[in-house]
Structure formats: C-alpha cells, structure tokens
C-alpha cells in the first residue's frame, strides 16, 4: 500500500539538498545518463519490495525521468525548423551560443542534445534582439492581460474605490471538465478524479453554487482544505473517452488595500500564524544562502515589511521576465532555477517571492487557481502577504507594474487584486479529501485536476482539461 505522497515530497526535498558526489544514481542523472539510471532504478524498485516507502521513492524518481524526457522532447533538427522563419541562415554556432548563455534551454540526455518543448518560444521572450525580430515579422503580439490592465484598472480609480472593501462584484459560471484518453485504463476499472473547486470564506470569493456534475461518488472538500477539490469516480468503458465535469456559479470581487508603511504594527513573532508563514516549505520555499543574500541585498537597510515587499516586487518586475515553465514536478528547487536562468512563469516568480519575503521574516502564503479576464484566461499563481493590524493582502508578482503615470494604477497588483480570480489553493502540496493514493501529476500546485486508478497515477499525457466561463455580470 502506498503512503501519502507528502512523504515522497520529503524524500525529494532531502534529495535536492544532499551532496551529489558519492551517490552513483544521482551522478548518472546529473550526467544525463538516463537510460542507465532507469535501469538502476528498476533494480532498486525490485530490491525494495519489502520497504514500501523506499520503493515509492524509487518509483517517483523513475517517473520523474520519464517526465523530463517529455519536457525535453525536441532534437536539434526540430529546433532549427522552429527558428527557420526568423533565422533562415541559422548556424550551429548560433545555437551553441544561445545554449551556453542559457537563453535556449537544452539538456543532454543519453549523449544527445534535447531541447525543452517551450525553449524557442521562451528564447523570443528573453532575448531582446530576437524579440524585436519576431515582432518585425509577425507584428506585436496581443496580450489580454495588458489590455485588461490598460482598459479596466484605471476605471476603478475613476469611479472611486471604497477603502479595502470588496468592489466590482462578478458572477461567473464555470464549467470545468477533463477527458481521459480512450483505453487509458482497462475497461471496467474505476477512475478516481479530483477537479478544482473554489475556496470560500475569502472577501474576493464569497459564494459558490453547484449546478451540475458528471461522475459518481461525489465528494466536495470543505473550504478549510488548502487545495479544494470535487472528487468523482467513473468506470472506464472500452473504446470510449471518460469525461468528468463540474459546473457551478461563483461570486467574486476585487480589492485594493493601498497599504502605508506607517499602518503596520510589529509582528507577534510567537503567534502560530507568524511561525507557519515565515518557515521554509522544502523544496520550493527555501532559505538557502543565495536566497537570503539576495533578499537582504534588495531591501538593504529597510526594515518596514510594507516597504520591503515593495522593493522585492520592483526587483522581480525589473529582473525576472515571464517565460514558459517546465512541469514543477521535474524541478529540484524552483527559486534557484529562477535565479540561475533569470526567468520564470507566475508560480516560479511567486515561489521566489515567498522564499525571499519569508527569509526576511514577512509572513506570506501561496494562492492560486485561474485568472479569468474577459480578454484572456489561464492557470495562475500569486501570493498573499500578512501585515499585522491589517490582515492578508494580495500580491501578484507576475502581473507586474502597469504602464501608467498614476501610481495607484501602476502598483495596483502590489496590494490589490482584480475580481476575475478563481481561487482554488491557499497553500502548496496540500492533502486532498479524500486522499490520493499515488504520486500526483502536479505535486505542489492544483489547477488542472488529478486522476488515478488502482494501477497508478494518470499523468497529463493521458488526459486533457478544459474550462469554460460565462460572465453573468456585465463587465
């Protein structure tokens, strides 16, 4: 019987911190000798059959190598073809240069260069000259997020915002579904499915009403669960797609706090809240020497938490551009990756922000789900910071500073949030209700769903997901 996957996360966290020398299996993986490492792991899985926790650790390591192979699926010829439109005379020396600079993400696996599936797209985001070249050929790309920020955020201040009370209430109808591939599991076997479901008890997420489900054995986790889900089951039918679906309406709202440094009170450092939200959560909320030194360098002599958060936010805005991410389950330490590669998606930026802020003694937590702007929707992660005497305040590092001369608009996401957020999670790596038996497809975040059967987890390559939103309030 497999134990809760949180035990596996502890193993992974310890593995990320161990010395790499003298550990043959880890050396094989670090050298990219995946075939040999997979052989060794298969042996270890068999040898550890009497120790279920140790065996599970090896199974997870073997699955991680499979997932890495999927992430780095392109060969050099594939990458050249993707570049062809923009660099028709591309030379191998150019690719070598971009690989060495880290702008083109590549990993040597079993002696062959393999490229991250989003490597070329990320290259055009982070290389300034390439970005200009692409724009000159394709035209400027449309950003629904930027359009929303320019069109909507200024109107909040034109109409007037009533203090820190929720405003711009919205009613959204959400229909969320996953489709399991035909014959992904044997006919007659029971599929177990966890679909994301909104948290309540938050000023920005005040009411949810279930409308419809497609699945059996339903269980809706209480809103106190940090990663909230609807649990469903279905039996697989031969040669048929298995569909799980949930529909509901959710009431959301915006908030803007406009926190002033002088408003905050000294933290109660003995409180349970303070201790919990200023601690490490390995492997991705971490206080190693690099993180602590960078955070201290950014804030300098500043000691007020409001001012410190602002300094951290501005630094992230100026230094960490958004880029497509590897699956988090294949990454050892996300903040270290961000610092090494100088880029990251919303969750990666948030992990770095949380690590730096907590290392300074500022209580903060993870929050995530989806953003559902009328112009664009996507998975999304952000943070909340706790200020003594004020409470929890939203901070969205990846929505960044808005291009505006009005400082209130410019810094809106430093201590405010729009109403188009589907809030699912208040923490990372939280246990589901009911518990999942096998290692998750996404062991830290939860936005797409999770599936398994008695034979194991079903990874993202075995199913697809889709979210539809209907705006019931005029926007």
Protein backbone atom coordinates (compact mmCIF):
# COMPACT_ATOMS: atom_id res chain seq x y z
CA UNK A 1 0.00 0.00 0.00
CA UNK A 2 1.35 3.41 -0.94
CA UNK A 3 1.62 6.01 1.81
CA UNK A 4 0.53 9.67 1.38
CA UNK A 5 2.53 11.43 -1.30
CA UNK A 6 3.72 14.09 1.18
CA UNK A 7 6.24 11.52 2.42
CA UNK A 8 7.60 11.35 -1.12
CA UNK A 9 7.93 15.14 -1.22
CA UNK A 10 10.08 14.93 1.90
CA UNK A 11 12.32 12.40 0.19
CA UNK A 12 12.61 14.67 -2.86
CA UNK A 13 13.37 17.70 -0.69
CA UNK A 14 16.12 15.79 1.11
CA UNK A 15 17.47 14.50 -2.19
CA UNK A 16 17.70 18.05 -3.53
CA UNK A 17 19.81 19.05 -0.53
CA UNK A 18 22.15 16.04 -0.38
CA UNK A 19 25.74 16.02 -1.59
CA UNK A 20 25.85 14.82 -5.16
CA UNK A 21 29.30 13.27 -5.02
CA UNK A 22 29.48 9.63 -3.96
CA UNK A 23 25.88 8.87 -4.95
CA UNK A 24 26.09 6.83 -8.15
CA UNK A 25 22.45 7.06 -9.18
CA UNK A 26 22.38 10.81 -8.73
CA UNK A 27 25.63 11.13 -10.69
CA UNK A 28 24.08 9.23 -13.58
CA UNK A 29 21.08 11.55 -13.59
CA UNK A 30 23.19 14.69 -13.35
CA UNK A 31 25.32 13.49 -16.27
CA UNK A 32 22.19 12.85 -18.34
CA UNK A 33 22.73 9.10 -18.47
CA UNK A 34 19.02 8.46 -18.13
CA UNK A 35 18.97 5.00 -19.72
CA UNK A 36 21.47 3.67 -17.20
CA UNK A 37 19.75 5.49 -14.35
CA UNK A 38 16.41 3.97 -15.34
CA UNK A 39 18.00 0.51 -15.31
CA UNK A 40 19.42 1.08 -11.82
CA UNK A 41 16.11 2.44 -10.54
CA UNK A 42 14.21 -0.55 -11.93
CA UNK A 43 16.56 -2.81 -10.00
CA UNK A 44 16.14 -0.79 -6.81
CA UNK A 45 12.34 -0.88 -7.12
CA UNK A 46 12.52 -4.68 -7.16
CA UNK A 47 15.03 -4.86 -4.31
CA UNK A 48 12.96 -2.60 -2.05
CA UNK A 49 9.67 -4.51 -2.30
CA UNK A 50 9.68 -5.02 1.47
CA UNK A 51 10.01 -1.29 2.20
CA UNK A 52 7.02 0.46 0.64
CA UNK A 53 8.24 4.00 1.39
CA UNK A 54 11.68 3.39 -0.10
CA UNK A 55 10.13 1.64 -3.09
CA UNK A 56 7.80 4.58 -3.64
CA UNK A 57 10.78 6.94 -3.62
CA UNK A 58 12.43 4.95 -6.43
CA UNK A 59 9.18 4.77 -8.40
CA UNK A 60 8.86 8.57 -8.19
CA UNK A 61 12.47 9.05 -9.34
CA UNK A 62 11.86 6.74 -12.30
CA UNK A 63 8.64 8.59 -13.18
CA UNK A 64 10.48 11.92 -12.90
CA UNK A 65 12.98 10.81 -15.54
CA UNK A 66 10.08 9.89 -17.83
CA UNK A 67 8.55 13.31 -17.28
CA UNK A 68 11.89 15.05 -18.00
CA UNK A 69 12.13 13.16 -21.29
CA UNK A 70 8.68 14.50 -22.20
CA UNK A 71 9.70 18.06 -21.30
CA UNK A 72 12.87 17.89 -23.42
CA UNK A 73 11.35 16.19 -26.44
CA UNK A 74 12.84 18.15 -29.34
CA UNK A 75 16.02 17.33 -31.22
CA UNK A 76 18.28 19.98 -32.74
CA UNK A 77 16.71 19.50 -36.19
CA UNK A 78 13.27 20.22 -34.68
CA UNK A 79 14.55 23.43 -33.09
CA UNK A 80 16.17 24.60 -36.32
CA UNK A 81 12.84 24.16 -38.10
CA UNK A 82 11.08 26.28 -35.45
CA UNK A 83 13.67 29.04 -35.96
CA UNK A 84 13.63 28.82 -39.77
CA UNK A 85 11.05 31.58 -40.35
CA UNK A 86 13.08 34.10 -38.36
CA UNK A 87 16.64 32.88 -38.91
CA UNK A 88 16.76 31.24 -42.37
CA UNK A 89 20.59 31.18 -42.30
CA UNK A 90 20.86 29.86 -38.73
CA UNK A 91 24.18 28.19 -37.95
CA UNK A 92 25.01 25.57 -35.33
CA UNK A 93 27.34 28.14 -33.80
CA UNK A 94 24.34 30.40 -33.11
CA UNK A 95 22.51 27.61 -31.33
CA UNK A 96 25.65 26.77 -29.34
CA UNK A 97 25.94 30.41 -28.26
CA UNK A 98 22.31 30.59 -27.14
CA UNK A 99 22.61 27.29 -25.30
CA UNK A 100 25.74 28.45 -23.48
CA UNK A 101 24.05 31.70 -22.46
CA UNK A 102 21.07 29.76 -21.11
CA UNK A 103 18.65 31.54 -23.45
CA UNK A 104 17.88 28.31 -25.31
CA UNK A 105 17.10 25.62 -22.75
CA UNK A 106 18.71 22.29 -23.52
CA UNK A 107 19.69 19.13 -21.66
CA UNK A 108 21.98 16.33 -22.78
CA UNK A 109 20.12 13.04 -22.36
CA UNK A 110 21.87 9.77 -23.19
CA UNK A 111 24.53 11.65 -25.14
CA UNK A 112 22.12 13.67 -27.30
CA UNK A 113 21.11 17.31 -27.01
CA UNK A 114 17.40 17.53 -26.23
CA UNK A 115 15.50 20.82 -26.10
CA UNK A 116 12.73 21.96 -23.78
CA UNK A 117 9.38 21.94 -25.60
CA UNK A 118 8.97 25.69 -24.97
CA UNK A 119 12.62 26.60 -25.47
CA UNK A 120 12.16 28.50 -28.75
CA UNK A 121 9.14 30.46 -27.54
CA UNK A 122 11.00 31.40 -24.37
CA UNK A 123 14.03 32.47 -26.39
CA UNK A 124 11.93 35.07 -28.22
CA UNK A 125 10.65 36.34 -24.86
CA UNK A 126 14.01 36.81 -23.14
CA UNK A 127 16.43 37.70 -25.94
CA UNK A 128 15.80 41.41 -26.73
CA UNK A 129 17.10 41.29 -30.31
CA UNK A 130 15.13 38.15 -31.12
CA UNK A 131 12.00 39.67 -29.60
CA UNK A 132 12.30 42.69 -31.88
CA UNK A 133 12.98 40.48 -34.89
CA UNK A 134 9.90 38.37 -34.25
CA UNK A 135 7.73 41.47 -33.81
CA UNK A 136 9.02 42.90 -37.10
CA UNK A 137 7.95 39.72 -38.91
CA UNK A 138 4.78 38.70 -37.04
CA UNK A 139 3.70 42.05 -35.65
CA UNK A 140 3.29 42.86 -31.98
CA UNK A 141 1.66 40.03 -30.07
CA UNK A 142 -1.63 40.68 -28.29
CA UNK A 143 -1.66 40.44 -24.51
CA UNK A 144 -5.09 40.08 -22.96
CA UNK A 145 -3.60 40.79 -19.55
CA UNK A 146 -2.08 44.10 -20.65
CA UNK A 147 -5.28 45.04 -22.47
CA UNK A 148 -7.31 44.42 -19.30
CA UNK A 149 -4.85 46.40 -17.18
CA UNK A 150 -4.96 49.40 -19.51
CA UNK A 151 -8.71 49.32 -20.13
CA UNK A 152 -10.13 48.34 -16.74
CA UNK A 153 -7.81 49.08 -13.81
CA UNK A 154 -7.86 52.89 -14.34
CA UNK A 155 -11.67 52.87 -14.23
CA UNK A 156 -11.57 51.56 -10.65
CA UNK A 157 -9.99 54.80 -9.53
CA UNK A 158 -12.08 56.98 -11.82
CA UNK A 159 -15.22 55.50 -10.24
CA UNK A 160 -13.77 55.55 -6.73
CA UNK A 161 -12.79 52.62 -4.55
CA UNK A 162 -14.36 52.30 -1.11
CA UNK A 163 -11.41 51.65 1.18
CA UNK A 164 -10.45 47.99 1.50
CA UNK A 165 -13.93 46.65 0.96
CA UNK A 166 -14.64 44.26 -1.94
CA UNK A 167 -15.83 46.01 -5.11
CA UNK A 168 -16.65 45.24 -8.75
CA UNK A 169 -18.53 42.09 -7.77
CA UNK A 170 -18.82 39.50 -10.51
CA UNK A 171 -20.91 36.39 -11.03
CA UNK A 172 -19.18 33.75 -13.12
CA UNK A 173 -20.49 30.43 -14.37
CA UNK A 174 -17.70 27.89 -14.59
CA UNK A 175 -17.85 24.58 -16.45
CA UNK A 176 -14.73 22.50 -15.90
CA UNK A 177 -14.05 19.13 -17.49
CA UNK A 178 -11.36 16.54 -18.06
CA UNK A 179 -11.36 13.88 -20.76
CA UNK A 180 -9.41 10.69 -20.20
CA UNK A 181 -7.93 9.15 -23.33
CA UNK A 182 -9.63 6.12 -24.84
CA UNK A 183 -8.40 2.90 -23.22
CA UNK A 184 -6.02 4.76 -20.90
CA UNK A 185 -7.01 2.14 -18.30
CA UNK A 186 -8.58 -1.29 -18.79
CA UNK A 187 -12.33 -1.43 -19.28
CA UNK A 188 -14.27 -1.81 -16.05
CA UNK A 189 -11.59 -0.26 -13.87
CA UNK A 190 -12.58 2.64 -11.61
CA UNK A 191 -11.07 6.02 -12.40
CA UNK A 192 -10.65 8.41 -9.46
CA UNK A 193 -10.72 12.13 -10.31
CA UNK A 194 -10.14 15.35 -8.38
CA UNK A 195 -11.35 18.53 -10.10
CA UNK A 196 -10.53 22.06 -8.84
CA UNK A 197 -13.29 23.76 -6.83
CA UNK A 198 -13.29 27.34 -5.50
CA UNK A 199 -12.44 28.20 -1.91
CA UNK A 200 -14.87 30.33 0.08
CA UNK A 201 -14.60 32.46 3.20
CA UNK A 202 -12.44 34.97 1.32
CA UNK A 203 -13.66 38.50 0.66
CA UNK A 204 -12.77 38.07 -3.01
CA UNK A 205 -14.56 34.70 -3.26
CA UNK A 206 -17.78 34.84 -1.28
CA UNK A 207 -20.24 32.28 -2.66
CA UNK A 208 -20.32 29.16 -4.81
CA UNK A 209 -23.38 27.26 -6.01
CA UNK A 210 -23.03 23.79 -7.51
CA UNK A 211 -25.07 23.39 -10.71
CA UNK A 212 -24.12 20.04 -12.22
CA UNK A 213 -21.68 17.15 -12.01
CA UNK A 214 -20.81 14.31 -14.37
CA UNK A 215 -19.36 11.50 -12.30
CA UNK A 216 -20.16 9.15 -9.43
CA UNK A 217 -19.25 9.03 -5.71
CA UNK A 218 -19.10 12.82 -5.43
CA UNK A 219 -17.36 14.50 -2.52
CA UNK A 220 -16.79 18.25 -2.24
CA UNK A 221 -13.91 19.03 0.09
CA UNK A 222 -14.66 21.64 2.79
CA UNK A 223 -13.34 25.11 2.10
CA UNK A 224 -10.91 24.68 5.03
CA UNK A 225 -8.89 22.27 2.88
CA UNK A 226 -5.94 24.23 1.47
CA UNK A 227 -6.31 22.72 -2.01
CA UNK A 228 -10.03 22.33 -2.60
CA UNK A 229 -11.49 19.77 -4.98
CA UNK A 230 -14.55 17.89 -6.14
CA UNK A 231 -13.90 14.14 -6.04
CA UNK A 232 -15.60 11.92 -8.65
CA UNK A 233 -15.38 8.34 -9.82
CA UNK A 234 -16.31 6.54 -13.03
CA UNK A 235 -15.72 3.13 -14.55
CA UNK A 236 -13.80 3.06 -17.80
CA UNK A 237 -15.65 1.78 -20.86
CA UNK A 238 -13.77 0.04 -23.66
CA UNK A 239 -13.05 2.30 -26.66
CA UNK A 240 -14.78 5.29 -25.05
CA UNK A 241 -13.49 8.58 -23.66
CA UNK A 242 -14.17 9.01 -19.95
CA UNK A 243 -15.42 12.51 -19.10
CA UNK A 244 -15.61 14.14 -15.67
CA UNK A 245 -17.30 17.53 -15.37
CA UNK A 246 -18.45 20.03 -12.78
CA UNK A 247 -20.40 23.27 -13.27
CA UNK A 248 -21.08 26.00 -10.72
CA UNK A 249 -21.53 29.72 -10.27
CA UNK A 250 -19.08 31.66 -8.13
CA UNK A 251 -19.31 35.20 -6.75
CA UNK A 252 -16.03 37.10 -6.91
CA UNK A 253 -14.84 40.63 -6.19
CA UNK A 254 -11.83 42.93 -6.45
CA UNK A 255 -9.96 44.50 -3.52
CA UNK A 256 -7.40 47.26 -3.17
CA UNK A 257 -5.61 47.90 0.12
CA UNK A 258 -3.23 50.79 -0.56
CA UNK A 259 -1.20 49.80 2.49
CA UNK A 260 1.01 52.51 4.01
CA UNK A 261 4.23 51.57 5.85
CA UNK A 262 3.19 53.51 8.96
CA UNK A 263 -0.04 51.48 9.29
CA UNK A 264 1.60 48.20 10.14
CA UNK A 265 2.17 47.01 13.69
CA UNK A 266 5.09 44.88 14.94
CA UNK A 267 4.57 41.18 14.25
CA UNK A 268 3.66 38.82 17.05
CA UNK A 269 6.58 36.52 16.37
CA UNK A 270 5.28 33.93 18.84
CA UNK A 271 1.94 33.52 17.08
CA UNK A 272 1.10 30.31 15.22
CA UNK A 273 0.37 32.29 12.07
CA UNK A 274 3.73 34.04 12.12
CA UNK A 275 5.70 30.85 12.71
CA UNK A 276 3.85 28.94 9.99
CA UNK A 277 4.09 31.57 7.28
CA UNK A 278 7.71 32.56 7.89
CA UNK A 279 9.02 29.00 7.70
CA UNK A 280 10.56 27.04 4.86
CA UNK A 281 8.45 24.58 2.84
CA UNK A 282 11.01 22.48 1.02
CA UNK A 283 11.84 22.14 -1.73
CA UNK A 284 10.43 25.35 -3.28
CA UNK A 285 10.11 27.78 -0.37
CA UNK A 286 13.68 27.74 0.79
CA UNK A 287 16.09 29.93 2.76
CA UNK A 288 19.45 28.91 1.33
CA UNK A 289 22.40 31.29 1.28
CA UNK A 290 21.62 32.58 -2.24
CA UNK A 291 18.02 33.45 -1.37
CA UNK A 292 18.82 35.10 1.95
CA UNK A 293 21.68 37.13 0.50
CA UNK A 294 19.62 38.34 -2.46
CA UNK A 295 16.64 39.31 -0.30
CA UNK A 296 18.86 41.26 2.07
CA UNK A 297 20.66 42.94 -0.81
CA UNK A 298 17.35 44.06 -2.33
CA UNK A 299 15.90 45.56 0.86
CA UNK A 300 19.17 46.95 2.21
CA UNK A 301 18.64 48.82 5.47
CA UNK A 302 14.83 48.92 5.09
CA UNK A 303 13.04 47.16 7.96
CA UNK A 304 9.37 48.00 7.39
CA UNK A 305 7.59 44.96 5.84
CA UNK A 306 5.43 47.08 3.51
CA UNK A 307 8.49 48.82 2.12
CA UNK A 308 10.41 45.56 1.92
CA UNK A 309 7.64 43.88 -0.08
CA UNK A 310 7.58 46.84 -2.45
CA UNK A 311 11.34 46.56 -3.01
CA UNK A 312 11.07 42.83 -3.68
CA UNK A 313 8.15 43.42 -6.07
CA UNK A 314 10.02 46.07 -8.05
CA UNK A 315 13.10 43.85 -8.25
CA UNK A 316 11.08 40.95 -9.65
CA UNK A 317 9.40 43.32 -12.11
CA UNK A 318 12.75 44.55 -13.41
CA UNK A 319 14.76 41.32 -13.35
CA UNK A 320 12.57 38.24 -13.87
CA UNK A 321 10.63 38.19 -17.16
CA UNK A 322 7.79 35.74 -17.65
CA UNK A 323 8.63 32.56 -19.56
CA UNK A 324 7.01 29.18 -20.08
CA UNK A 325 7.86 26.70 -17.34
CA UNK A 326 8.93 23.13 -17.00
CA UNK A 327 6.47 21.00 -15.07
CA UNK A 328 7.18 21.71 -11.41
CA UNK A 329 7.45 18.00 -10.60
CA UNK A 330 10.75 17.77 -12.53
CA UNK A 331 12.38 20.77 -10.82
CA UNK A 332 14.58 20.35 -7.74
CA UNK A 333 14.38 23.89 -6.36
CA UNK A 334 12.33 26.42 -8.28
CA UNK A 335 13.74 29.65 -6.71
CA UNK A 336 17.29 28.51 -7.50
CA UNK A 337 16.25 27.74 -11.08
CA UNK A 338 14.75 31.23 -11.45
CA UNK A 339 17.93 32.87 -10.18
CA UNK A 340 20.12 30.75 -12.46
CA UNK A 341 18.03 31.23 -15.61
CA UNK A 342 16.72 34.77 -14.92
CA UNK A 343 13.14 33.91 -15.91
CA UNK A 344 10.08 32.09 -14.68
CA UNK A 345 6.34 31.74 -15.00
CA UNK A 346 3.84 33.07 -12.45
CA UNK A 347 4.31 30.25 -9.97
CA UNK A 348 8.09 30.32 -10.25
CA UNK A 349 8.15 34.06 -9.60
CA UNK A 350 5.80 33.53 -6.67
CA UNK A 351 7.98 30.80 -5.16
CA UNK A 352 10.98 33.14 -5.34
CA UNK A 353 8.97 36.00 -3.82
CA UNK A 354 7.72 33.79 -0.97
CA UNK A 355 11.21 32.49 -0.27
CA UNK A 356 12.75 35.96 -0.14
CA UNK A 357 9.92 37.53 1.87
CA UNK A 358 9.76 34.73 4.43
CA UNK A 359 13.54 34.78 4.80
CA UNK A 360 13.13 38.42 5.90
CA UNK A 361 10.52 37.45 8.50
CA UNK A 362 7.48 38.59 6.47
CA UNK A 363 4.54 36.15 6.73
CA UNK A 364 3.19 35.27 3.29
CA UNK A 365 1.48 32.39 1.56
CA UNK A 366 0.75 30.83 -1.80
CA UNK A 367 -2.57 31.37 -3.55
CA UNK A 368 -3.53 30.03 -6.96
CA UNK A 369 -6.21 28.89 -9.37
CA UNK A 370 -7.07 30.69 -12.62
CA UNK A 371 -7.34 34.22 -13.88
CA UNK A 372 -10.50 34.63 -15.96
CA UNK A 373 -10.20 38.06 -17.52
CA UNK A 374 -12.77 38.79 -20.23
CA UNK A 375 -9.83 39.20 -22.62
CA UNK A 376 -7.90 36.07 -21.61
CA UNK A 377 -7.92 33.15 -19.18
CA UNK A 378 -5.19 30.86 -17.89
CA UNK A 379 -3.82 28.96 -14.92
CA UNK A 380 -2.31 31.38 -12.43
CA UNK A 381 -0.40 31.64 -9.15
CA UNK A 382 0.16 34.63 -6.86
CA UNK A 383 0.75 35.43 -3.18
CA UNK A 384 -0.81 36.98 -0.12
CA UNK A 385 1.21 38.88 2.50
CA UNK A 386 0.13 39.26 6.12
CA UNK A 387 0.56 42.66 7.74
CA UNK A 388 -0.06 42.88 11.48
CA UNK A 389 -3.10 45.04 12.15
CA UNK A 390 -4.27 44.85 8.52
CA UNK A 391 -4.52 41.17 7.63
CA UNK A 392 -3.91 39.28 4.40
CA UNK A 393 -3.18 41.42 1.34
CA UNK A 394 -2.93 40.03 -2.23
CA UNK A 395 0.37 40.47 -4.10
CA UNK A 396 0.73 39.30 -7.71
CA UNK A 397 4.41 39.36 -8.76
CA UNK A 398 3.86 38.17 -12.34
CA UNK A 399 1.12 40.69 -13.22
CA UNK A 400 3.84 43.23 -12.53
CA UNK A 401 3.78 47.03 -12.62
CA UNK A 402 1.26 48.54 -15.01
CA UNK A 403 2.44 51.13 -17.53
CA UNK A 404 0.73 54.22 -16.09
CA UNK A 405 1.61 57.65 -14.69
CA UNK A 406 -0.94 57.09 -11.91
CA UNK A 407 0.99 55.38 -9.11
CA UNK A 408 -2.23 53.76 -7.84
CA UNK A 409 -2.76 52.08 -11.21
CA UNK A 410 0.94 51.33 -11.63
CA UNK A 411 1.17 49.50 -8.30
CA UNK A 412 -2.32 48.00 -8.27
CA UNK A 413 -1.14 44.37 -8.07
CA UNK A 414 1.34 45.19 -5.31
CA UNK A 415 -1.56 45.32 -2.84
CA UNK A 416 -4.71 44.75 -4.86
CA UNK A 417 -6.47 42.16 -6.98
CA UNK A 418 -8.96 42.20 -9.85
CA UNK A 419 -12.26 40.30 -9.49
CA UNK A 420 -11.57 37.71 -12.17
CA UNK A 421 -9.82 35.16 -9.99
CA UNK A 422 -10.89 31.58 -9.41
CA UNK A 423 -9.23 30.83 -6.05
CA UNK A 424 -8.59 27.10 -5.56
CA UNK A 425 -5.50 26.92 -3.35
CA UNK A 426 -4.23 28.61 -0.19
CA UNK A 427 -1.05 26.54 0.08
CA UNK A 428 1.18 24.15 -1.85
CA UNK A 429 1.36 20.34 -1.63
CA UNK A 430 -1.77 20.06 0.49
CA UNK A 431 -3.52 16.73 1.00
CA UNK A 432 -6.73 16.11 -0.93
CA UNK A 433 -10.02 14.96 0.58
CA UNK A 434 -10.30 12.04 0.03
CA UNK A 435 -6.57 11.38 -0.09
CA UNK A 436 -4.84 10.49 -3.31
CA UNK A 437 -3.04 7.15 -3.20
CA UNK A 438 -0.38 7.73 -5.86
CA UNK A 439 2.17 10.45 -6.57
CA UNK A 440 0.48 13.42 -8.21
CA UNK A 441 0.97 14.75 -11.72
CA UNK A 442 1.48 18.17 -10.10
CA UNK A 443 2.65 17.55 -6.52
CA UNK A 444 2.73 21.22 -5.45
CA UNK A 445 0.05 23.22 -7.26
CA UNK A 446 -3.50 22.15 -8.18
CA UNK A 447 -5.29 23.81 -11.08
CA UNK A 448 -5.84 21.21 -13.80
CA UNK A 449 -7.03 18.19 -11.83
CA UNK A 450 -5.60 14.83 -10.78
CA UNK A 451 -6.50 11.29 -11.84
CA UNK A 452 -5.54 7.77 -10.86
CA UNK A 453 -6.74 4.18 -10.88
CA UNK A 454 -5.65 1.10 -8.95
CA UNK A 455 -2.69 0.70 -11.29
CA UNK A 456 -1.23 4.15 -10.55
CA UNK A 457 -1.40 7.85 -11.36
CA UNK A 458 -2.58 9.11 -14.74
CA UNK A 459 -0.16 11.80 -15.88
CA UNK A 460 -1.12 14.81 -18.00
CA UNK A 461 -0.27 12.91 -21.20
CA UNK A 462 -3.23 10.58 -20.59
CA UNK A 463 -5.96 13.23 -20.36
CA UNK A 464 -6.91 16.79 -21.28
CA UNK A 465 -8.68 19.59 -19.42
CA UNK A 466 -10.93 22.49 -20.39
CA UNK A 467 -12.51 25.45 -18.60
CA UNK A 468 -15.44 27.48 -19.94
CA UNK A 469 -16.50 30.70 -18.26
CA UNK A 470 -19.74 32.63 -18.73
CA UNK A 471 -19.82 36.19 -17.39
CA UNK A 472 -23.21 36.65 -15.74
CA UNK A 473 -22.37 40.22 -14.63
CA UNK A 474 -21.83 42.99 -17.20
CA UNK A 475 -18.14 43.78 -17.46
